Amino acid sequence: MASTLAVPIAVAASRGLGRWLASQLTDCHVNDAWPPPDKALVDRTITILRAGEATYSFSEPMVTGSRDVHDAVTPTITEAVATDRASAITRLNAARASYEAHRISVATSTPLEGAHAAADTTNALTFPAAVDIDSALDLANEMRTVVPAHFLAAAHTALDRAQRITAPAATDDDSLVLLTNQLTQQLLQHYVTRVYIWSTADVEQPVQLDVWCAFEVTRDDVIARLEPLLRSADPLGLGVDQDPVQNGVPVPLLDDDGGWAGTDVYFTFLALSIPQDEDRQQRSEFRATYRGTLEFPNLVLHQAPRMTHIEAQVRLSPTFPTPTGTPVATSISTPTEDTFSQG
């Protein structure tokens, strides 16, 4: 379970395709950066890169899915709404006990236990249950700071950006009542909140897949095995028929791909070129290049099933040139834990 959408979907898609190719071509090393020119080329290397500016076809926003912020619902707070000092202290202590149990609740086999992927050990309360006005003010004001921080803790399936504590710091009975009631209300909403996934556009991203080999015969071997994979309608072998009007390779993403689980992206590789010259042969660099496109939806997270207005800002690199010539990447040339390699 991932805490949030941690990487752009185009990056997650490249990782998803790379993971699948590495599982099928176990003697190859799949990476997202070109081999460095100052190191010996690792034979049978495959690289996947974005190779140009994306184009967006905006459409009417629509909900395509949703995710709960928690794996399970925390038992509710049942104390009555506070109206005076005594009822505020009672409700505040109930909220404290509920929150402390909630923040360390980790997924188990019991349905009502296990709100998070991991315990939130950062946002713990230090003040004990309140017994008088002074201790109540201390506790309420600490919760005013700590509870909103928990809403954005990485342990959640998705960050809860909808809940906010706007009541001022408590200084007397009236402000204590106001803050206590808001804290309790926001906690109750946090326990059951859901994030909705909106699709606002279809995106096409130019991509480039390169095969790098130290020998011509190994390059041709990799191409021969790669060709059917890049034309596969069922890359994971799930027996799922491809959309008859979809030319690309469908790659379903996982939570490990930056939190984009359930999102389908499509790679289409149509053109193959084999650049070769005397200089490359002298460097024992035999390369093949596939150019194509990556298609994916532009997704926006919002904590409401309806939106009257969506403002989407797309930030594109002004210089995303198509890679040509001698590679200039600075990544290491041997497989590491940051690559997709299984060879």
C-alpha atoms as a PDB file:
ATOM      1  CA  MET A   1       0.000   0.000   0.000  1.00  0.00           C
ATOM      2  CA  ALA A   2       1.406   3.376  -0.992  1.00  0.00           C
ATOM      3  CA  SER A   3       0.847   6.529   0.968  1.00  0.00           C
ATOM      4  CA  THR A   4       0.306   8.913  -1.923  1.00  0.00           C
ATOM      5  CA  LEU A   5       0.891   9.451  -5.604  1.00  0.00           C
ATOM      6  CA  ALA A   6       4.619   9.774  -5.141  1.00  0.00           C
ATOM      7  CA  VAL A   7       5.845   9.978  -8.755  1.00  0.00           C
ATOM      8  CA  PRO A   8       4.370  11.279 -12.028  1.00  0.00           C
ATOM      9  CA  ILE A   9       2.268   8.701 -13.816  1.00  0.00           C
ATOM     10  CA  ALA A  10       4.597   8.744 -16.841  1.00  0.00           C
ATOM     11  CA  VAL A  11       7.491   7.720 -14.585  1.00  0.00           C
ATOM     12  CA  ALA A  12       5.357   5.034 -12.940  1.00  0.00           C
ATOM     13  CA  ALA A  13       4.353   3.737 -16.370  1.00  0.00           C
ATOM     14  CA  SER A  14       7.984   3.433 -17.486  1.00  0.00           C
ATOM     15  CA  ARG A  15       8.765   1.537 -14.293  1.00  0.00           C
ATOM     16  CA  GLY A  16       5.801  -0.763 -14.859  1.00  0.00           C
ATOM     17  CA  LEU A  17       6.879  -1.558 -18.416  1.00  0.00           C
ATOM     18  CA  GLY A  18      10.464  -1.984 -17.262  1.00  0.00           C
ATOM     19  CA  ARG A  19       9.481  -4.386 -14.499  1.00  0.00           C
ATOM     20  CA  TRP A  20       7.533  -6.527 -16.951  1.00  0.00           C
ATOM     21  CA  LEU A  21      10.290  -6.568 -19.586  1.00  0.00           C
ATOM     22  CA  ALA A  22      12.862  -7.519 -16.936  1.00  0.00           C
ATOM     23  CA  SER A  23      10.676 -10.436 -15.863  1.00  0.00           C
ATOM     24  CA  GLN A  24      10.487 -11.681 -19.465  1.00  0.00           C
ATOM     25  CA  LEU A  25      14.090 -10.990 -20.504  1.00  0.00           C
ATOM     26  CA  THR A  26      15.892 -12.159 -17.406  1.00  0.00           C
ATOM     27  CA  ASP A  27      19.352 -11.807 -18.933  1.00  0.00           C
ATOM     28  CA  CYS A  28      18.777  -8.121 -19.720  1.00  0.00           C
ATOM     29  CA  HIS A  29      19.215  -5.060 -17.536  1.00  0.00           C
ATOM     30  CA  VAL A  30      16.319  -2.595 -17.810  1.00  0.00           C
ATOM     31  CA  ASN A  31      16.870   0.994 -16.672  1.00  0.00           C
ATOM     32  CA  ASP A  32      15.410   4.484 -17.049  1.00  0.00           C
ATOM     33  CA  ALA A  33      18.672   6.218 -17.993  1.00  0.00           C
ATOM     34  CA  TRP A  34      21.178   5.788 -20.774  1.00  0.00           C
ATOM     35  CA  PRO A  35      24.435   3.944 -20.046  1.00  0.00           C
ATOM     36  CA  PRO A  36      27.191   6.431 -19.139  1.00  0.00           C
ATOM     37  CA  PRO A  37      29.738   7.017 -21.900  1.00  0.00           C
ATOM     38  CA  ASP A  38      32.711   6.876 -19.524  1.00  0.00           C
ATOM     39  CA  LYS A  39      32.069   3.302 -18.382  1.00  0.00           C
ATOM     40  CA  ALA A  40      32.164  -0.034 -20.129  1.00  0.00           C
ATOM     41  CA  LEU A  41      28.813  -0.854 -21.704  1.00  0.00           C
ATOM     42  CA  VAL A  42      26.870  -3.578 -19.900  1.00  0.00           C
ATOM     43  CA  ASP A  43      25.763  -6.050 -22.550  1.00  0.00           C
ATOM     44  CA  ARG A  44      21.998  -6.482 -23.052  1.00  0.00           C
ATOM     45  CA  THR A  45      20.887  -3.191 -21.515  1.00  0.00           C
ATOM     46  CA  ILE A  46      17.415  -1.803 -22.263  1.00  0.00           C
ATOM     47  CA  THR A  47      16.522   1.814 -21.443  1.00  0.00           C
ATOM     48  CA  ILE A  48      13.097   3.478 -21.414  1.00  0.00           C
ATOM     49  CA  LEU A  49      12.936   7.292 -21.559  1.00  0.00           C
ATOM     50  CA  ARG A  50      10.438  10.057 -22.178  1.00  0.00           C
ATOM     51  CA  ALA A  51      11.486  11.669 -25.440  1.00  0.00           C
ATOM     52  CA  GLY A  52       9.495  14.837 -26.004  1.00  0.00           C
ATOM     53  CA  GLU A  53       6.698  17.054 -24.752  1.00  0.00           C
ATOM     54  CA  ALA A  54       3.380  15.469 -23.856  1.00  0.00           C
ATOM     55  CA  THR A  55       0.134  16.534 -25.534  1.00  0.00           C
ATOM     56  CA  TYR A  56      -3.120  16.858 -23.559  1.00  0.00           C
ATOM     57  CA  SER A  57      -6.644  16.360 -24.896  1.00  0.00           C
ATOM     58  CA  PHE A  58      -8.857  17.797 -22.151  1.00  0.00           C
ATOM     59  CA  SER A  59     -12.296  16.332 -21.625  1.00  0.00           C
ATOM     60  CA  GLU A  60     -15.247  16.646 -19.247  1.00  0.00           C
ATOM     61  CA  PRO A  61     -13.991  15.686 -15.763  1.00  0.00           C
ATOM     62  CA  MET A  62     -15.303  12.350 -14.535  1.00  0.00           C
ATOM     63  CA  VAL A  63     -14.728  10.108 -11.524  1.00  0.00           C
ATOM     64  CA  THR A  64     -12.770   6.992 -12.472  1.00  0.00           C
ATOM     65  CA  GLY A  65     -12.254   5.512  -9.015  1.00  0.00           C
ATOM     66  CA  SER A  66     -11.762   6.197  -5.347  1.00  0.00           C
ATOM     67  CA  ARG A  67      -9.672   5.067  -2.407  1.00  0.00           C
ATOM     68  CA  ASP A  68     -10.293   5.145   1.311  1.00  0.00           C
ATOM     69  CA  VAL A  69      -7.781   7.055   3.385  1.00  0.00           C
ATOM     70  CA  HIS A  70      -7.826   4.139   5.870  1.00  0.00           C
ATOM     71  CA  ASP A  71      -7.905   0.378   5.546  1.00  0.00           C
ATOM     72  CA  ALA A  72     -10.489   0.130   8.331  1.00  0.00           C
ATOM     73  CA  VAL A  73     -12.802   2.490  10.179  1.00  0.00           C
ATOM     74  CA  THR A  74     -11.798   3.495  13.690  1.00  0.00           C
ATOM     75  CA  PRO A  75     -14.576   3.139  16.314  1.00  0.00           C
ATOM     76  CA  THR A  76     -16.474   6.399  16.656  1.00  0.00           C
ATOM     77  CA  ILE A  77     -16.471   9.005  19.443  1.00  0.00           C
ATOM     78  CA  THR A  78     -19.879   8.884  21.116  1.00  0.00           C
ATOM     79  CA  GLU A  79     -19.660  11.667  23.720  1.00  0.00           C
ATOM     80  CA  ALA A  80     -22.178  14.481  23.317  1.00  0.00           C
ATOM     81  CA  VAL A  81     -21.315  17.825  21.765  1.00  0.00           C
ATOM     82  CA  ALA A  82     -19.624  20.059  24.320  1.00  0.00           C
ATOM     83  CA  THR A  83     -21.547  23.034  25.653  1.00  0.00           C
ATOM     84  CA  ASP A  84     -19.583  23.975  28.783  1.00  0.00           C
ATOM     85  CA  ARG A  85     -16.311  23.268  30.592  1.00  0.00           C
ATOM     86  CA  ALA A  86     -17.357  19.912  32.025  1.00  0.00           C
ATOM     87  CA  SER A  87     -18.758  18.491  28.795  1.00  0.00           C
ATOM     88  CA  ALA A  88     -15.749  19.872  26.867  1.00  0.00           C
ATOM     89  CA  ILE A  89     -13.326  18.027  29.150  1.00  0.00           C
ATOM     90  CA  THR A  90     -15.341  14.808  28.797  1.00  0.00           C
ATOM     91  CA  ARG A  91     -15.458  15.030  25.014  1.00  0.00           C
ATOM     92  CA  LEU A  92     -11.848  16.162  24.729  1.00  0.00           C
ATOM     93  CA  ASN A  93     -10.631  13.156  26.727  1.00  0.00           C
ATOM     94  CA  ALA A  94     -12.719  10.839  24.554  1.00  0.00           C
ATOM     95  CA  ALA A  95     -11.208  12.414  21.431  1.00  0.00           C
ATOM     96  CA  ARG A  96      -7.727  12.024  22.898  1.00  0.00           C
ATOM     97  CA  ALA A  97      -8.247   8.321  23.626  1.00  0.00           C
ATOM     98  CA  SER A  98      -9.757   7.720  20.196  1.00  0.00           C
ATOM     99  CA  TYR A  99      -6.964   9.556  18.385  1.00  0.00           C
ATOM    100  CA  GLU A 100      -4.154   7.813  20.289  1.00  0.00           C
ATOM    101  CA  ALA A 101      -5.673   4.418  19.461  1.00  0.00           C
ATOM    102  CA  HIS A 102      -6.240   5.465  15.861  1.00  0.00           C
ATOM    103  CA  ARG A 103      -2.761   6.786  15.043  1.00  0.00           C
ATOM    104  CA  ILE A 104      -1.062   3.489  16.006  1.00  0.00           C
ATOM    105  CA  SER A 105      -3.723   1.276  14.428  1.00  0.00           C
ATOM    106  CA  VAL A 106      -2.021  -0.982  11.882  1.00  0.00           C
ATOM    107  CA  ALA A 107      -3.657  -3.418   9.452  1.00  0.00           C
ATOM    108  CA  THR A 108      -4.355  -6.801  11.005  1.00  0.00           C
ATOM    109  CA  SER A 109      -6.732  -9.671  10.371  1.00  0.00           C
ATOM    110  CA  THR A 110      -9.426  -8.016  12.492  1.00  0.00           C
ATOM    111  CA  PRO A 111     -11.613  -5.793  10.273  1.00  0.00           C
ATOM    112  CA  LEU A 112     -12.143  -2.995  12.804  1.00  0.00           C
ATOM    113  CA  GLU A 113      -8.461  -2.888  13.664  1.00  0.00           C
ATOM    114  CA  GLY A 114      -5.853  -1.663  11.282  1.00  0.00           C
ATOM    115  CA  ALA A 115      -6.401   1.782   9.851  1.00  0.00           C
ATOM    116  CA  HIS A 116      -2.890   2.365   8.531  1.00  0.00           C
ATOM    117  CA  ALA A 117      -0.030   0.709   6.691  1.00  0.00           C
ATOM    118  CA  ALA A 118       2.188   1.608   9.661  1.00  0.00           C
ATOM    119  CA  ALA A 119       1.777   3.317  13.004  1.00  0.00           C
ATOM    120  CA  ASP A 120       2.131   7.103  13.083  1.00  0.00           C
ATOM    121  CA  THR A 121       4.811   7.422  15.744  1.00  0.00           C
ATOM    122  CA  THR A 122       5.641  11.032  14.884  1.00  0.00           C
ATOM    123  CA  ASN A 123       2.373  12.703  15.860  1.00  0.00           C
ATOM    124  CA  ALA A 124       1.891  11.377  19.386  1.00  0.00           C
ATOM    125  CA  LEU A 125       0.274  13.394  22.170  1.00  0.00           C
ATOM    126  CA  THR A 126       2.376  14.209  25.209  1.00  0.00           C
ATOM    127  CA  PHE A 127      -0.253  15.742  27.499  1.00  0.00           C
ATOM    128  CA  PRO A 128      -2.360  13.313  29.583  1.00  0.00           C
ATOM    129  CA  ALA A 129      -6.126  13.300  29.869  1.00  0.00           C
ATOM    130  CA  ALA A 130      -7.509  16.584  31.173  1.00  0.00           C
ATOM    131  CA  VAL A 131      -8.763  16.966  34.766  1.00  0.00           C
ATOM    132  CA  ASP A 132      -9.279  20.733  34.980  1.00  0.00           C
ATOM    133  CA  ILE A 133      -9.324  23.852  32.804  1.00  0.00           C
ATOM    134  CA  ASP A 134      -5.536  24.259  32.700  1.00  0.00           C
ATOM    135  CA  SER A 135      -4.821  20.669  31.658  1.00  0.00           C
ATOM    136  CA  ALA A 136      -7.724  20.824  29.175  1.00  0.00           C
ATOM    137  CA  LEU A 137      -6.265  23.934  27.518  1.00  0.00           C
ATOM    138  CA  ASP A 138      -2.857  22.261  27.252  1.00  0.00           C
ATOM    139  CA  LEU A 139      -4.314  19.099  25.717  1.00  0.00           C
ATOM    140  CA  ALA A 140      -6.683  20.853  23.311  1.00  0.00           C
ATOM    141  CA  ASN A 141      -3.975  23.160  21.985  1.00  0.00           C
ATOM    142  CA  GLU A 142      -1.556  20.270  21.511  1.00  0.00           C
ATOM    143  CA  MET A 143      -4.202  18.336  19.588  1.00  0.00           C
ATOM    144  CA  ARG A 144      -4.838  21.464  17.500  1.00  0.00           C
ATOM    145  CA  THR A 145      -1.263  21.067  16.173  1.00  0.00           C
ATOM    146  CA  VAL A 146      -0.743  17.305  16.225  1.00  0.00           C
ATOM    147  CA  VAL A 147      -4.015  16.057  14.738  1.00  0.00           C
ATOM    148  CA  PRO A 148      -3.757  18.020  11.436  1.00  0.00           C
ATOM    149  CA  ALA A 149      -0.193  16.751  11.073  1.00  0.00           C
ATOM    150  CA  HIS A 150      -1.508  13.197  11.357  1.00  0.00           C
ATOM    151  CA  PHE A 151      -4.006  13.833   8.543  1.00  0.00           C
ATOM    152  CA  LEU A 152      -1.011  14.200   6.206  1.00  0.00           C
ATOM    153  CA  ALA A 153       1.032  11.318   7.637  1.00  0.00           C
ATOM    154  CA  ALA A 154       2.554   8.939   5.086  1.00  0.00           C
ATOM    155  CA  ALA A 155       0.944   5.913   6.757  1.00  0.00           C
ATOM    156  CA  HIS A 156      -2.355   6.672   5.031  1.00  0.00           C
ATOM    157  CA  THR A 157      -3.443   5.065   1.779  1.00  0.00           C
ATOM    158  CA  ALA A 158      -4.057   8.617   0.533  1.00  0.00           C
ATOM    159  CA  LEU A 159      -3.383  11.882   2.314  1.00  0.00           C
ATOM    160  CA  ASP A 160      -6.379  13.561   3.944  1.00  0.00           C
ATOM    161  CA  ARG A 161      -6.253  17.151   2.741  1.00  0.00           C
ATOM    162  CA  ALA A 162      -9.920  17.910   3.379  1.00  0.00           C
ATOM    163  CA  GLN A 163      -9.905  18.110   7.175  1.00  0.00           C
ATOM    164  CA  ARG A 164      -8.687  21.351   8.734  1.00  0.00           C
ATOM    165  CA  ILE A 165      -8.652  22.787  12.238  1.00  0.00           C
ATOM    166  CA  THR A 166      -9.598  26.456  11.938  1.00  0.00           C
ATOM    167  CA  ALA A 167     -10.673  27.171  15.526  1.00  0.00           C
ATOM    168  CA  PRO A 168      -8.263  29.456  17.404  1.00  0.00           C
ATOM    169  CA  ALA A 169      -6.097  28.238  20.266  1.00  0.00           C
ATOM    170  CA  ALA A 170      -8.109  27.678  23.457  1.00  0.00           C
ATOM    171  CA  THR A 171      -7.639  30.253  26.205  1.00  0.00           C
ATOM    172  CA  ASP A 172     -10.883  30.006  28.185  1.00  0.00           C
ATOM    173  CA  ASP A 173     -14.084  27.980  28.538  1.00  0.00           C
ATOM    174  CA  ASP A 174     -15.743  29.272  25.352  1.00  0.00           C
ATOM    175  CA  SER A 175     -12.718  28.765  23.104  1.00  0.00           C
ATOM    176  CA  LEU A 176     -12.159  25.330  24.676  1.00  0.00           C
ATOM    177  CA  VAL A 177     -15.716  24.286  23.779  1.00  0.00           C
ATOM    178  CA  LEU A 178     -15.280  25.547  20.198  1.00  0.00           C
ATOM    179  CA  LEU A 179     -11.919  23.839  19.668  1.00  0.00           C
ATOM    180  CA  THR A 180     -12.988  20.571  21.291  1.00  0.00           C
ATOM    181  CA  ASN A 181     -16.079  20.253  19.095  1.00  0.00           C
ATOM    182  CA  GLN A 182     -14.106  20.989  15.938  1.00  0.00           C
ATOM    183  CA  LEU A 183     -11.329  18.553  16.838  1.00  0.00           C
ATOM    184  CA  THR A 184     -13.873  15.799  17.421  1.00  0.00           C
ATOM    185  CA  GLN A 185     -15.794  16.578  14.229  1.00  0.00           C
ATOM    186  CA  GLN A 186     -12.647  16.570  12.103  1.00  0.00           C
ATOM    187  CA  LEU A 187     -11.425  13.301  13.637  1.00  0.00           C
ATOM    188  CA  LEU A 188     -14.761  11.605  12.947  1.00  0.00           C
ATOM    189  CA  GLN A 189     -14.670  12.815   9.334  1.00  0.00           C
ATOM    190  CA  HIS A 190     -11.050  11.737   8.989  1.00  0.00           C
ATOM    191  CA  TYR A 191     -11.846   8.177  10.060  1.00  0.00           C
ATOM    192  CA  VAL A 192     -14.245   7.651   7.145  1.00  0.00           C
ATOM    193  CA  THR A 193     -12.947  10.035   4.477  1.00  0.00           C
ATOM    194  CA  ARG A 194     -12.367   8.940   0.896  1.00  0.00           C
ATOM    195  CA  VAL A 195     -10.334  10.383  -1.965  1.00  0.00           C
ATOM    196  CA  TYR A 196     -11.903  10.399  -5.431  1.00  0.00           C
ATOM    197  CA  ILE A 197      -9.852  10.047  -8.604  1.00  0.00           C
ATOM    198  CA  TRP A 198     -10.924  12.362 -11.427  1.00  0.00           C
ATOM    199  CA  SER A 199      -9.835  12.020 -15.040  1.00  0.00           C
ATOM    200  CA  THR A 200      -9.537  15.412 -16.763  1.00  0.00           C
ATOM    201  CA  ALA A 201      -7.629  14.634 -19.978  1.00  0.00           C
ATOM    202  CA  ASP A 202      -6.060  11.996 -22.184  1.00  0.00           C
ATOM    203  CA  VAL A 203      -2.301  12.366 -22.477  1.00  0.00           C
ATOM    204  CA  GLU A 204       0.145  11.195 -25.133  1.00  0.00           C
ATOM    205  CA  GLN A 205       3.820  11.177 -24.144  1.00  0.00           C
ATOM    206  CA  PRO A 206       6.532  10.424 -26.719  1.00  0.00           C
ATOM    207  CA  VAL A 207       8.818   7.649 -25.471  1.00  0.00           C
ATOM    208  CA  GLN A 208      11.937   5.912 -26.654  1.00  0.00           C
ATOM    209  CA  LEU A 209      13.167   2.409 -25.901  1.00  0.00           C
ATOM    210  CA  ASP A 210      16.804   1.616 -26.646  1.00  0.00           C
ATOM    211  CA  VAL A 211      18.642  -1.698 -26.752  1.00  0.00           C
ATOM    212  CA  TRP A 212      22.363  -1.460 -25.962  1.00  0.00           C
ATOM    213  CA  CYS A 213      24.649  -4.422 -26.584  1.00  0.00           C
ATOM    214  CA  ALA A 214      28.366  -5.037 -26.748  1.00  0.00           C
ATOM    215  CA  PHE A 215      28.019  -7.409 -29.702  1.00  0.00           C
ATOM    216  CA  GLU A 216      25.930  -7.336 -32.854  1.00  0.00           C
ATOM    217  CA  VAL A 217      24.724 -10.895 -32.383  1.00  0.00           C
ATOM    218  CA  THR A 218      23.408 -10.197 -28.865  1.00  0.00           C
ATOM    219  CA  ARG A 219      21.623  -7.059 -30.073  1.00  0.00           C
ATOM    220  CA  ASP A 220      19.844  -9.028 -32.784  1.00  0.00           C
ATOM    221  CA  ASP A 221      18.942 -11.716 -30.242  1.00  0.00           C
ATOM    222  CA  VAL A 222      17.420  -9.176 -27.852  1.00  0.00           C
ATOM    223  CA  ILE A 223      15.453  -7.553 -30.689  1.00  0.00           C
ATOM    224  CA  ALA A 224      14.075 -10.938 -31.756  1.00  0.00           C
ATOM    225  CA  ARG A 225      12.826 -11.634 -28.233  1.00  0.00           C
ATOM    226  CA  LEU A 226      11.675  -8.073 -27.614  1.00  0.00           C
ATOM    227  CA  GLU A 227       9.519  -7.749 -30.738  1.00  0.00           C
ATOM    228  CA  PRO A 228       6.655 -10.043 -29.632  1.00  0.00           C
ATOM    229  CA  LEU A 229       6.667  -8.478 -26.171  1.00  0.00           C
ATOM    230  CA  LEU A 230       6.172  -4.991 -27.574  1.00  0.00           C
ATOM    231  CA  ARG A 231       3.221  -6.247 -29.622  1.00  0.00           C
ATOM    232  CA  SER A 232       1.592  -8.216 -26.789  1.00  0.00           C
ATOM    233  CA  ALA A 233      -2.098  -7.691 -26.084  1.00  0.00           C
ATOM    234  CA  ASP A 234      -1.857  -9.445 -22.722  1.00  0.00           C
ATOM    235  CA  PRO A 235       1.550  -8.581 -21.221  1.00  0.00           C
ATOM    236  CA  LEU A 236       0.939 -10.123 -17.815  1.00  0.00           C
ATOM    237  CA  GLY A 237      -0.500 -13.351 -19.183  1.00  0.00           C
ATOM    238  CA  LEU A 238      -3.838 -12.820 -17.447  1.00  0.00           C
ATOM    239  CA  GLY A 239      -5.913 -14.016 -20.376  1.00  0.00           C
ATOM    240  CA  VAL A 240      -7.451 -10.565 -20.831  1.00  0.00           C
ATOM    241  CA  ASP A 241      -8.347  -9.602 -24.397  1.00  0.00           C
ATOM    242  CA  GLN A 242      -6.918  -6.326 -25.610  1.00  0.00           C
ATOM    243  CA  ASP A 243      -9.216  -3.507 -26.663  1.00  0.00           C
ATOM    244  CA  PRO A 244      -9.669  -4.111 -30.436  1.00  0.00           C
ATOM    245  CA  VAL A 245      -9.084  -0.427 -31.220  1.00  0.00           C
ATOM    246  CA  GLN A 246      -6.057  -0.118 -28.916  1.00  0.00           C
ATOM    247  CA  ASN A 247      -2.701  -0.642 -30.623  1.00  0.00           C
ATOM    248  CA  GLY A 248      -0.515  -0.399 -27.562  1.00  0.00           C
ATOM    249  CA  VAL A 249       0.759  -2.746 -24.899  1.00  0.00           C
ATOM    250  CA  PRO A 250      -1.478  -2.346 -21.802  1.00  0.00           C
ATOM    251  CA  VAL A 251       0.516  -2.115 -18.567  1.00  0.00           C
ATOM    252  CA  PRO A 252      -1.581  -2.132 -15.354  1.00  0.00           C
ATOM    253  CA  LEU A 253       0.204  -0.239 -12.595  1.00  0.00           C
ATOM    254  CA  LEU A 254       0.665  -1.363  -8.989  1.00  0.00           C
ATOM    255  CA  ASP A 255       0.777   0.496  -5.677  1.00  0.00           C
ATOM    256  CA  ASP A 256       4.548   0.152  -5.784  1.00  0.00           C
ATOM    257  CA  ASP A 257       4.465   2.272  -8.943  1.00  0.00           C
ATOM    258  CA  GLY A 258       3.987   5.460  -6.943  1.00  0.00           C
ATOM    259  CA  GLY A 259       0.434   4.722  -5.802  1.00  0.00           C
ATOM    260  CA  TRP A 260      -1.148   4.454  -9.273  1.00  0.00           C
ATOM    261  CA  ALA A 261      -2.662   1.010  -8.646  1.00  0.00           C
ATOM    262  CA  GLY A 262      -5.459   0.098 -11.027  1.00  0.00           C
ATOM    263  CA  THR A 263      -4.522   2.692 -13.657  1.00  0.00           C
ATOM    264  CA  ASP A 264      -4.033   1.264 -17.153  1.00  0.00           C
ATOM    265  CA  VAL A 265      -1.453   2.865 -19.408  1.00  0.00           C
ATOM    266  CA  TYR A 266      -0.595   1.937 -22.999  1.00  0.00           C
ATOM    267  CA  PHE A 267       2.742   1.852 -24.796  1.00  0.00           C
ATOM    268  CA  THR A 268       2.827   1.805 -28.591  1.00  0.00           C
ATOM    269  CA  PHE A 269       6.175   1.170 -30.308  1.00  0.00           C
ATOM    270  CA  LEU A 270       5.913   1.378 -34.087  1.00  0.00           C
ATOM    271  CA  ALA A 271       9.266   2.457 -35.504  1.00  0.00           C
ATOM    272  CA  LEU A 272      12.542   0.516 -35.138  1.00  0.00           C
ATOM    273  CA  SER A 273      15.863   1.954 -36.241  1.00  0.00           C
ATOM    274  CA  ILE A 274      19.358   0.477 -35.947  1.00  0.00           C
ATOM    275  CA  PRO A 275      21.906   3.287 -35.916  1.00  0.00           C
ATOM    276  CA  GLN A 276      25.385   1.988 -36.582  1.00  0.00           C
ATOM    277  CA  ASP A 277      28.671   3.474 -37.712  1.00  0.00           C
ATOM    278  CA  GLU A 278      32.380   2.758 -37.496  1.00  0.00           C
ATOM    279  CA  ASP A 279      32.789   4.782 -34.297  1.00  0.00           C
ATOM    280  CA  ARG A 280      30.150   2.744 -32.472  1.00  0.00           C
ATOM    281  CA  GLN A 281      31.637  -0.505 -33.680  1.00  0.00           C
ATOM    282  CA  GLN A 282      35.044   0.526 -32.393  1.00  0.00           C
ATOM    283  CA  ARG A 283      33.455   1.200 -28.989  1.00  0.00           C
ATOM    284  CA  SER A 284      31.666  -2.183 -29.113  1.00  0.00           C
ATOM    285  CA  GLU A 285      28.330  -0.376 -28.943  1.00  0.00           C
ATOM    286  CA  PHE A 286      25.531  -1.980 -30.944  1.00  0.00           C
ATOM    287  CA  ARG A 287      22.231  -0.165 -30.486  1.00  0.00           C
ATOM    288  CA  ALA A 288      18.612  -0.412 -31.614  1.00  0.00           C
ATOM    289  CA  THR A 289      15.965   2.250 -31.023  1.00  0.00           C
ATOM    290  CA  TYR A 290      12.189   1.976 -30.817  1.00  0.00           C
ATOM    291  CA  ARG A 291      10.169   5.199 -30.917  1.00  0.00           C
ATOM    292  CA  GLY A 292       6.594   5.334 -29.776  1.00  0.00           C
ATOM    293  CA  THR A 293       4.043   6.873 -27.451  1.00  0.00           C
ATOM    294  CA  LEU A 294       2.754   6.349 -23.940  1.00  0.00           C
ATOM    295  CA  GLU A 295      -0.968   6.988 -23.443  1.00  0.00           C
ATOM    296  CA  PHE A 296      -2.399   7.611 -19.984  1.00  0.00           C
ATOM    297  CA  PRO A 297      -5.152   9.631 -18.281  1.00  0.00           C
ATOM    298  CA  ASN A 298      -4.448  12.901 -16.521  1.00  0.00           C
ATOM    299  CA  LEU A 299      -5.730  12.235 -13.001  1.00  0.00           C
ATOM    300  CA  VAL A 300      -6.611  14.657 -10.200  1.00  0.00           C
ATOM    301  CA  LEU A 301      -7.251  13.654  -6.578  1.00  0.00           C
ATOM    302  CA  HIS A 302     -10.135  15.377  -4.814  1.00  0.00           C
ATOM    303  CA  GLN A 303     -11.942  14.489  -1.598  1.00  0.00           C
ATOM    304  CA  ALA A 304     -15.445  14.965  -2.929  1.00  0.00           C
ATOM    305  CA  PRO A 305     -17.509  12.983  -5.445  1.00  0.00           C
ATOM    306  CA  ARG A 306     -18.533  16.268  -7.072  1.00  0.00           C
ATOM    307  CA  MET A 307     -16.565  19.262  -8.183  1.00  0.00           C
ATOM    308  CA  THR A 308     -18.016  22.462  -9.575  1.00  0.00           C
ATOM    309  CA  HIS A 309     -14.615  23.555 -10.840  1.00  0.00           C
ATOM    310  CA  ILE A 310     -11.309  21.889 -11.493  1.00  0.00           C
ATOM    311  CA  GLU A 311      -8.204  23.951 -12.017  1.00  0.00           C
ATOM    312  CA  ALA A 312      -5.450  21.840 -13.530  1.00  0.00           C
ATOM    313  CA  GLN A 313      -2.008  23.217 -14.143  1.00  0.00           C
ATOM    314  CA  VAL A 314       0.247  21.233 -16.416  1.00  0.00           C
ATOM    315  CA  ARG A 315       3.954  21.848 -16.042  1.00  0.00           C
ATOM    316  CA  LEU A 316       6.008  20.655 -18.989  1.00  0.00           C
ATOM    317  CA  SER A 317       9.727  20.798 -19.484  1.00  0.00           C
ATOM    318  CA  PRO A 318      10.571  23.402 -22.148  1.00  0.00           C
ATOM    319  CA  THR A 319      13.422  21.188 -23.341  1.00  0.00           C
ATOM    320  CA  PHE A 320      12.642  17.507 -23.660  1.00  0.00           C
ATOM    321  CA  PRO A 321      14.689  16.653 -26.774  1.00  0.00           C
ATOM    322  CA  THR A 322      14.584  13.308 -28.479  1.00  0.00           C
ATOM    323  CA  PRO A 323      17.786  11.456 -27.476  1.00  0.00           C
ATOM    324  CA  THR A 324      20.229  11.065 -30.352  1.00  0.00           C
ATOM    325  CA  GLY A 325      23.911  10.362 -30.799  1.00  0.00           C
ATOM    326  CA  THR A 326      26.246   9.321 -28.015  1.00  0.00           C
ATOM    327  CA  PRO A 327      24.577   8.777 -24.634  1.00  0.00           C
ATOM    328  CA  VAL A 328      25.343  11.420 -22.047  1.00  0.00           C
ATOM    329  CA  ALA A 329      23.558  10.038 -18.986  1.00  0.00           C
ATOM    330  CA  THR A 330      25.450   9.938 -15.716  1.00  0.00           C
ATOM    331  CA  SER A 331      23.838   6.886 -14.117  1.00  0.00           C
ATOM    332  CA  ILE A 332      25.991   3.892 -13.239  1.00  0.00           C
ATOM    333  CA  SER A 333      26.301   1.149 -15.802  1.00  0.00           C
ATOM    334  CA  THR A 334      25.721  -1.898 -13.647  1.00  0.00           C
ATOM    335  CA  PRO A 335      22.313  -2.976 -12.303  1.00  0.00           C
ATOM    336  CA  THR A 336      21.436  -1.668  -8.858  1.00  0.00           C
ATOM    337  CA  GLU A 337      18.348  -1.738  -6.673  1.00  0.00           C
ATOM    338  CA  ASP A 338      17.161   1.354  -8.581  1.00  0.00           C
ATOM    339  CA  THR A 339      16.971  -0.571 -11.867  1.00  0.00           C
ATOM    340  CA  PHE A 340      14.420  -3.081 -13.064  1.00  0.00           C
ATOM    341  CA  SER A 341      17.033  -5.732 -13.701  1.00  0.00           C
ATOM    342  CA  GLN A 342      16.373  -9.321 -12.783  1.00  0.00           C
ATOM    343  CA  GLY A 343      19.353 -10.659 -14.682  1.00  0.00           C
END
